[in-house]
Amino acid sequence: MERMLTVIFNDESKAYEGARALNQLDAEGSITIHAESVIGKNADGTVAIKQSNDEFPVRTVGGTAIGSMIGLLGGPAGLALGVTAGALAGSFADLNAAAVDAEYIDDVSATLTPGKCAVIADVSEEWVTPVDTTMEALGGAVIRSARISVEEDQRAREVAELRAEIDQLKAEHDQARADRKAKIEARIDELNAKLQAKLDSAKQRSAQIRGETDAKVQALRKKAEHAKGDAKATIEARIKRIREDYEQSEAKLKQLAAGRLMAAAAKLDRG
């Protein structure tokens, strides 16, 4: 199962020890680490990256799941306290990219108090016992979340709402007085621009996910070449799961794009 893993320690040296222990579990095949970073919580509530490990297939910062996690943990404090609309939208985007829910972020934030450090890892694991027993022995508090994929469904709802509003305005335009038609047309153009922006964003995100998926699969295939028996079967199952998750995401994007093409064709037919 794909999971986001956060292990919180009382000090930096223990966090590094925890990172090394996780790497050992990866080497043994108990888990697969796709990306990992050590962070610390400052006195002012911001988060500092202590160590970013680029040996794993997915780089830890810059739009990846872990980069988004770090942004959420060190970003605007308290969404309920009246942050700007832009910051709020950015937080939702980070939640989507991290593929976790707000409750998980709340749990981590509550435990990662100033002065403490944490190891954040994007992992595949079938059993929680190897990580839990190893981290507990080092004094680490383990918080994990299954990676959830709500991004495509949310985008599909937003696109559907925009299309419905455009269709309603077009129907209203046909019945409107001459002095109202120009305003309605301007609003339709504005919504069409928003719709296209969302579709363009979906394509960019899909390309990013495809790159991360390919990196994960390639790294796992290299491990499988040297594995045998149950270890090899476990790795192959992880590859299959990662591929299936990506294919589901890509299928939803294609549905959005197909809807846009159908709308364009209908517009040409009417013209």
Protein backbone atom coordinates (compact mmCIF):
# COMPACT_ATOMS: atom_id res chain seq x y z
CA MET A 1 0.00 0.00 0.00
CA GLU A 2 1.19 3.52 -0.80
CA ARG A 3 1.51 5.52 2.42
CA MET A 4 2.78 8.84 3.70
CA LEU A 5 4.84 8.17 6.80
CA THR A 6 5.89 10.71 9.44
CA VAL A 7 8.02 9.69 12.40
CA ILE A 8 8.52 12.39 15.04
CA PHE A 9 11.51 12.50 17.38
CA ASN A 10 12.49 14.74 20.29
CA ASP A 11 15.77 15.85 18.72
CA GLU A 12 17.66 16.00 15.44
CA SER A 13 20.18 13.24 16.15
CA LYS A 14 17.38 10.75 16.84
CA ALA A 15 15.66 11.78 13.61
CA TYR A 16 18.82 10.96 11.63
CA GLU A 17 19.02 7.64 13.44
CA GLY A 18 15.40 7.01 12.48
CA ALA A 19 16.14 7.85 8.85
CA ARG A 20 19.01 5.37 8.79
CA ALA A 21 16.78 2.69 10.33
CA LEU A 22 14.11 3.29 7.67
CA ASN A 23 16.78 2.99 4.99
CA GLN A 24 17.77 -0.36 6.46
CA LEU A 25 14.16 -1.56 6.29
CA ASP A 26 14.12 -0.45 2.65
CA ALA A 27 17.32 -2.40 1.96
CA GLU A 28 15.80 -5.49 3.57
CA GLY A 29 12.65 -5.18 1.45
CA SER A 30 10.28 -4.64 4.39
CA ILE A 31 9.28 -1.30 2.85
CA THR A 32 10.13 0.69 -0.24
CA ILE A 33 11.04 4.34 0.25
CA HIS A 34 10.23 6.51 -2.78
CA ALA A 35 11.28 9.80 -1.19
CA GLU A 36 12.46 10.90 2.23
CA SER A 37 13.36 14.06 4.13
CA VAL A 38 14.31 15.04 7.67
CA ILE A 39 12.69 18.25 8.90
CA GLY A 40 12.59 20.28 12.09
CA LYS A 41 9.99 22.61 13.61
CA ASN A 42 11.37 26.05 14.52
CA ALA A 43 10.27 28.14 17.49
CA ASP A 44 8.18 30.40 15.22
CA GLY A 45 6.27 27.40 13.81
CA THR A 46 8.06 27.29 10.46
CA VAL A 47 9.61 24.08 9.16
CA ALA A 48 13.25 23.70 8.13
CA ILE A 49 14.60 20.92 5.92
CA LYS A 50 17.49 19.29 7.79
CA GLN A 51 18.30 16.63 5.22
CA SER A 52 16.95 15.83 1.77
CA ASN A 53 17.89 12.42 0.42
CA ASP A 54 18.15 12.39 -3.37
CA GLU A 55 19.22 8.75 -3.51
CA PHE A 56 15.59 7.69 -3.75
CA PRO A 57 13.74 7.69 -7.11
CA VAL A 58 11.51 10.71 -6.39
CA ARG A 59 13.20 13.94 -5.34
CA THR A 60 11.91 15.11 -1.98
CA VAL A 61 11.29 18.79 -2.66
CA GLY A 62 9.71 20.82 -5.44
CA GLY A 63 6.11 19.82 -6.01
CA THR A 64 6.38 16.19 -4.97
CA ALA A 65 4.23 14.64 -2.26
CA ILE A 66 6.83 15.28 0.43
CA GLY A 67 7.47 18.81 -0.81
CA SER A 68 3.76 19.49 -0.49
CA MET A 69 3.70 17.95 3.00
CA ILE A 70 6.51 20.26 4.11
CA GLY A 71 4.63 23.22 2.65
CA LEU A 72 1.51 22.30 4.61
CA LEU A 73 3.37 21.80 7.89
CA GLY A 74 5.29 25.05 7.59
CA GLY A 75 2.70 27.07 5.70
CA PRO A 76 -0.09 29.38 6.86
CA ALA A 77 -0.90 28.66 10.50
CA GLY A 78 -4.53 27.68 10.96
CA LEU A 79 -6.73 27.77 7.91
CA ALA A 80 -9.63 28.80 10.14
CA LEU A 81 -7.86 32.00 11.21
CA GLY A 82 -8.60 33.91 8.04
CA VAL A 83 -5.76 33.31 5.60
CA THR A 84 -5.95 34.88 2.17
CA ALA A 85 -7.81 33.17 -0.64
CA GLY A 86 -4.54 32.55 -2.47
CA ALA A 87 -2.94 30.88 0.54
CA LEU A 88 -6.06 28.78 1.08
CA ALA A 89 -6.06 27.65 -2.56
CA GLY A 90 -2.38 26.81 -2.26
CA SER A 91 -3.04 24.71 0.82
CA PHE A 92 -5.72 22.72 -0.96
CA ALA A 93 -3.34 22.19 -3.89
CA ASP A 94 -0.68 20.90 -1.48
CA LEU A 95 -3.20 18.52 0.10
CA ASN A 96 -3.99 17.14 -3.34
CA ALA A 97 -0.34 16.74 -4.27
CA ALA A 98 0.52 15.11 -0.94
CA ALA A 99 -2.53 12.83 -1.36
CA VAL A 100 -3.40 12.97 2.33
CA ASP A 101 -6.34 14.45 4.20
CA ALA A 102 -6.44 17.45 6.51
CA GLU A 103 -6.84 15.24 9.60
CA TYR A 104 -3.44 13.66 8.94
CA ILE A 105 -1.83 17.09 8.65
CA ASP A 106 -3.52 18.13 11.91
CA ASP A 107 -2.22 15.04 13.70
CA VAL A 108 1.34 15.60 12.50
CA SER A 109 1.22 19.33 13.28
CA ALA A 110 -0.03 18.67 16.81
CA THR A 111 2.79 16.20 17.52
CA LEU A 112 5.59 18.03 15.69
CA THR A 113 5.94 20.83 18.23
CA PRO A 114 8.77 23.43 18.13
CA GLY A 115 12.17 21.87 18.81
CA LYS A 116 11.19 18.43 17.55
CA CYS A 117 12.29 16.81 14.28
CA ALA A 118 10.66 14.30 11.97
CA VAL A 119 11.39 11.92 9.15
CA ILE A 120 8.84 12.19 6.35
CA ALA A 121 8.77 9.38 3.80
CA ASP A 122 6.67 8.41 0.81
CA VAL A 123 6.64 4.62 1.11
CA SER A 124 5.13 1.35 -0.01
CA GLU A 125 4.48 -1.06 2.86
CA GLU A 126 2.26 -4.07 3.36
CA TRP A 127 2.72 -4.44 7.13
CA VAL A 128 3.03 -1.73 9.79
CA THR A 129 4.91 -3.88 12.31
CA PRO A 130 8.45 -3.55 10.85
CA VAL A 131 8.34 0.25 10.89
CA ASP A 132 6.41 0.60 14.13
CA THR A 133 8.63 -1.69 16.21
CA THR A 134 11.84 -0.20 14.81
CA MET A 135 10.76 3.42 15.29
CA GLU A 136 9.28 2.83 18.75
CA ALA A 137 12.60 1.34 19.87
CA LEU A 138 14.23 4.65 18.89
CA GLY A 139 11.61 6.74 20.69
CA GLY A 140 9.84 7.83 17.49
CA ALA A 141 6.10 8.51 17.24
CA VAL A 142 4.77 7.04 14.00
CA ILE A 143 1.91 8.74 12.14
CA ARG A 144 0.90 7.29 8.78
CA SER A 145 -1.78 7.80 6.19
CA ALA A 146 -2.79 5.78 3.19
CA ARG A 147 -2.23 7.87 0.07
CA ILE A 148 -5.65 9.01 -1.12
CA SER A 149 -6.46 10.24 -4.60
CA VAL A 150 -9.20 12.86 -4.51
CA GLU A 151 -7.49 15.29 -6.85
CA GLU A 152 -8.99 13.94 -10.07
CA ASP A 153 -12.50 13.66 -8.63
CA GLN A 154 -12.35 17.21 -7.29
CA ARG A 155 -11.11 18.56 -10.61
CA ALA A 156 -13.86 16.65 -12.44
CA ARG A 157 -16.49 18.27 -10.20
CA GLU A 158 -15.04 21.73 -10.78
CA VAL A 159 -14.96 21.21 -14.54
CA ALA A 160 -18.52 19.89 -14.56
CA GLU A 161 -19.72 22.93 -12.58
CA LEU A 162 -18.01 25.33 -14.98
CA ARG A 163 -19.51 23.57 -18.00
CA ALA A 164 -22.98 23.62 -16.44
CA GLU A 165 -22.70 27.36 -15.77
CA ILE A 166 -21.50 27.99 -19.33
CA ASP A 167 -24.43 26.02 -20.75
CA GLN A 168 -26.88 27.94 -18.56
CA LEU A 169 -25.45 31.28 -19.69
CA LYS A 170 -25.64 30.22 -23.34
CA ALA A 171 -29.33 29.39 -22.92
CA GLU A 172 -29.88 32.72 -21.20
CA HIS A 173 -27.99 34.50 -23.98
CA ASP A 174 -30.44 33.21 -26.57
CA GLN A 175 -33.33 34.79 -24.65
CA ALA A 176 -31.58 37.97 -23.52
CA ARG A 177 -32.19 41.49 -24.75
CA ALA A 178 -29.59 42.99 -27.03
CA ASP A 179 -28.15 45.20 -24.27
CA ARG A 180 -27.51 42.13 -22.06
CA LYS A 181 -25.96 39.83 -24.67
CA ALA A 182 -22.51 41.46 -24.56
CA LYS A 183 -22.25 41.06 -20.76
CA ILE A 184 -23.31 37.43 -20.93
CA GLU A 185 -20.81 36.76 -23.71
CA ALA A 186 -18.05 38.33 -21.61
CA ARG A 187 -18.95 36.08 -18.68
CA ILE A 188 -18.96 33.00 -20.95
CA ASP A 189 -15.50 33.94 -22.23
CA GLU A 190 -14.27 34.32 -18.65
CA LEU A 191 -15.61 30.90 -17.65
CA ASN A 192 -14.17 29.29 -20.77
CA ALA A 193 -10.76 30.70 -19.84
CA LYS A 194 -11.09 29.26 -16.33
CA LEU A 195 -12.12 25.91 -17.78
CA GLN A 196 -9.13 25.82 -20.11
CA ALA A 197 -6.79 26.76 -17.25
CA LYS A 198 -8.07 23.84 -15.17
CA LEU A 199 -7.60 21.43 -18.06
CA ASP A 200 -4.07 22.74 -18.68
CA SER A 201 -3.29 22.34 -14.98
CA ALA A 202 -4.59 18.77 -15.10
CA LYS A 203 -2.28 17.96 -17.99
CA GLN A 204 0.74 19.40 -16.16
CA ARG A 205 -0.10 17.47 -13.01
CA SER A 206 -0.57 14.29 -15.03
CA ALA A 207 2.90 14.71 -16.57
CA GLN A 208 4.39 15.14 -13.10
CA ILE A 209 2.61 12.06 -11.77
CA ARG A 210 3.74 10.06 -14.81
CA GLY A 211 7.36 11.07 -14.18
CA GLU A 212 7.16 10.11 -10.51
CA THR A 213 5.47 6.82 -11.36
CA ASP A 214 8.13 5.91 -13.93
CA ALA A 215 10.90 6.74 -11.44
CA LYS A 216 9.31 4.55 -8.76
CA VAL A 217 8.77 1.64 -11.13
CA GLN A 218 12.29 1.77 -12.55
CA ALA A 219 13.81 1.74 -9.07
CA LEU A 220 11.63 -1.18 -8.02
CA ARG A 221 12.52 -3.15 -11.17
CA LYS A 222 16.21 -2.79 -10.35
CA LYS A 223 15.51 -4.20 -6.89
CA ALA A 224 13.48 -7.04 -8.37
CA GLU A 225 16.43 -8.09 -10.55
CA HIS A 226 18.38 -9.02 -7.42
CA ALA A 227 15.48 -10.37 -5.34
CA LYS A 228 14.19 -13.92 -5.09
CA GLY A 229 11.14 -15.77 -3.84
CA ASP A 230 8.73 -13.86 -1.62
CA ALA A 231 10.86 -10.70 -1.74
CA LYS A 232 10.63 -10.61 -5.53
CA ALA A 233 6.87 -11.24 -5.44
CA THR A 234 6.41 -8.39 -2.97
CA ILE A 235 8.29 -5.97 -5.19
CA GLU A 236 6.33 -7.04 -8.27
CA ALA A 237 3.07 -6.52 -6.36
CA ARG A 238 4.22 -3.01 -5.43
CA ILE A 239 4.98 -2.24 -9.07
CA LYS A 240 1.55 -3.46 -10.12
CA ARG A 241 -0.21 -1.33 -7.49
CA ILE A 242 1.69 1.82 -8.45
CA ARG A 243 0.91 1.25 -12.13
CA GLU A 244 -2.78 0.65 -11.43
CA ASP A 245 -3.05 3.85 -9.39
CA TYR A 246 -1.46 5.84 -12.21
CA GLU A 247 -3.69 4.29 -14.88
CA GLN A 248 -6.81 5.19 -12.89
CA SER A 249 -5.59 8.77 -12.57
CA GLU A 250 -4.78 8.98 -16.28
CA ALA A 251 -8.18 7.58 -17.26
CA LYS A 252 -9.95 10.34 -15.33
CA LEU A 253 -7.85 13.00 -17.04
CA LYS A 254 -8.72 11.56 -20.45
CA GLN A 255 -12.40 11.78 -19.56
CA LEU A 256 -11.99 15.50 -18.80
CA ALA A 257 -10.15 16.10 -22.07
CA ALA A 258 -12.75 14.13 -24.03
CA GLY A 259 -15.50 16.28 -22.57
CA ARG A 260 -13.69 19.41 -23.68
CA LEU A 261 -13.27 18.07 -27.22
CA MET A 262 -16.96 17.16 -27.40
CA ALA A 263 -17.90 20.68 -26.31
CA ALA A 264 -15.64 22.17 -28.98
CA ALA A 265 -17.15 19.92 -31.65
CA ALA A 266 -20.67 20.90 -30.62
CA LYS A 267 -19.69 24.57 -30.88
CA LEU A 268 -18.42 24.03 -34.42
CA ASP A 269 -21.63 22.22 -35.38
CA ARG A 270 -23.71 25.17 -34.14
CA GLY A 271 -21.45 27.61 -35.98
